[in-house]
Amino acid sequence: MADTSDTRTPAQIEADIKRRREVLAETLDEIGVRVHPKTIVGDAKAKVVANVDHTVGRAYVQVNRMVSDVRARFVDDEGAPRLERVVPVALVVVGVVGLLALGARRRRD
């Protein structure tokens, strides 16, 4: 059989009940805030923003790495341009721009 003897006074029991009610009320308030539609939407937005920030950060690192690689191809260790690589690329760019300009000019005529 279970021992049902309680040595607390009625005032102590009332104080325990009061304290327990306060804890339960606080817990219910927390649950109400967590399941509120604005809280759910806010949490979802925060997750999306975190994912976007992470993706943008990774993209920034990739672009930065690509720029560094391109710079390493066209600039030597002292920072001077490598003419053996810059001149051919510049000629190709000038040729492509010239062809585009010619094509645009012919369409207008």
Protein backbone atom coordinates (compact mmCIF):
# COMPACT_ATOMS: atom_id res chain seq x y z
CA MET A 1 0.00 0.00 0.00
CA ALA A 2 1.12 3.53 -0.73
CA ASP A 3 2.04 5.81 2.12
CA THR A 4 -0.37 8.76 2.02
CA SER A 5 0.83 10.53 5.13
CA ASP A 6 1.70 14.18 4.47
CA THR A 7 3.57 16.13 7.11
CA ARG A 8 3.05 19.49 5.42
CA THR A 9 0.80 22.11 6.89
CA PRO A 10 -2.20 23.40 4.94
CA ALA A 11 -0.32 26.68 4.35
CA GLN A 12 2.62 24.78 2.83
CA ILE A 13 0.29 22.78 0.61
CA GLU A 14 -1.43 25.97 -0.57
CA ALA A 15 1.97 27.56 -1.27
CA ASP A 16 3.03 24.49 -3.29
CA ILE A 17 -0.23 24.58 -5.26
CA LYS A 18 0.20 28.31 -5.92
CA ARG A 19 3.80 27.82 -7.09
CA ARG A 20 2.79 24.91 -9.33
CA ARG A 21 -0.03 26.97 -10.89
CA GLU A 22 2.44 29.77 -11.67
CA VAL A 23 4.83 27.31 -13.33
CA LEU A 24 1.98 25.81 -15.36
CA ALA A 25 0.73 29.27 -16.38
CA GLU A 26 4.24 30.20 -17.52
CA THR A 27 4.52 26.96 -19.51
CA LEU A 28 1.15 27.56 -21.18
CA ASP A 29 2.22 31.10 -22.09
CA GLU A 30 5.39 29.74 -23.71
CA ILE A 31 3.38 27.15 -25.65
CA GLY A 32 0.96 29.87 -26.78
CA VAL A 33 3.83 31.99 -28.08
CA ARG A 34 5.45 29.05 -29.87
CA VAL A 35 2.30 28.01 -31.72
CA HIS A 36 1.19 31.55 -32.58
CA PRO A 37 1.07 32.03 -36.38
CA LYS A 38 3.34 35.09 -36.25
CA THR A 39 5.97 33.13 -34.34
CA ILE A 40 5.80 30.24 -36.79
CA VAL A 41 6.10 32.61 -39.78
CA GLY A 42 8.96 34.47 -38.09
CA ASP A 43 10.83 31.22 -37.46
CA ALA A 44 10.32 30.13 -41.07
CA LYS A 45 11.58 33.49 -42.34
CA ALA A 46 14.62 33.26 -40.08
CA LYS A 47 15.45 29.81 -41.46
CA VAL A 48 15.12 31.05 -45.04
CA VAL A 49 17.32 34.07 -44.34
CA ALA A 50 19.93 31.84 -42.71
CA ASN A 51 19.92 29.51 -45.74
CA VAL A 52 20.17 32.46 -48.15
CA ASP A 53 23.01 33.97 -46.12
CA HIS A 54 24.80 30.63 -46.19
CA THR A 55 24.30 30.27 -49.95
CA VAL A 56 25.42 33.85 -50.62
CA GLY A 57 28.47 33.30 -48.45
CA ARG A 58 29.42 30.18 -50.37
CA ALA A 59 28.89 31.99 -53.69
CA TYR A 60 31.07 34.87 -52.50
CA VAL A 61 33.85 32.45 -51.60
CA GLN A 62 33.60 30.76 -55.01
CA VAL A 63 33.67 34.08 -56.89
CA ASN A 64 36.57 35.30 -54.79
CA ARG A 65 38.46 32.09 -55.52
CA MET A 66 37.78 32.44 -59.27
CA VAL A 67 38.95 36.07 -59.31
CA SER A 68 42.12 35.06 -57.49
CA ASP A 69 42.74 32.29 -60.03
CA VAL A 70 42.23 34.65 -62.98
CA ARG A 71 44.43 37.29 -61.37
CA ALA A 72 47.16 34.68 -60.82
CA ARG A 73 47.05 33.83 -64.54
CA PHE A 74 47.45 37.43 -65.72
CA VAL A 75 49.66 38.93 -63.00
CA ASP A 76 53.02 37.67 -61.76
CA ASP A 77 54.17 37.47 -58.13
CA GLU A 78 55.38 41.10 -58.07
CA GLY A 79 52.06 42.39 -59.42
CA ALA A 80 53.26 43.14 -62.95
CA PRO A 81 51.02 42.03 -65.82
CA ARG A 82 52.10 38.96 -67.78
CA LEU A 83 52.15 40.37 -71.29
CA GLU A 84 52.40 36.93 -72.91
CA ARG A 85 48.90 36.23 -71.55
CA VAL A 86 47.35 39.71 -71.51
CA VAL A 87 48.03 40.66 -75.15
CA PRO A 88 46.33 37.63 -76.78
CA VAL A 89 43.27 38.00 -74.55
CA ALA A 90 43.08 41.73 -75.29
CA LEU A 91 43.25 41.05 -79.04
CA VAL A 92 40.42 38.51 -78.78
CA VAL A 93 38.28 40.95 -76.79
CA VAL A 94 38.89 43.75 -79.31
CA GLY A 95 38.02 41.38 -82.16
CA VAL A 96 34.78 40.21 -80.53
CA VAL A 97 33.71 43.78 -79.72
CA GLY A 98 34.51 44.82 -83.30
CA LEU A 99 32.43 41.97 -84.71
CA LEU A 100 29.51 42.83 -82.43
CA ALA A 101 29.73 46.48 -83.46
CA LEU A 102 29.77 45.52 -87.14
CA GLY A 103 26.79 43.23 -86.68
CA ALA A 104 24.82 45.91 -84.90
CA ARG A 105 25.72 48.45 -87.55
CA ARG A 106 24.60 46.17 -90.38
CA ARG A 107 21.23 45.54 -88.71
CA ARG A 108 20.51 49.28 -88.54
CA ASP A 109 21.26 49.82 -92.23
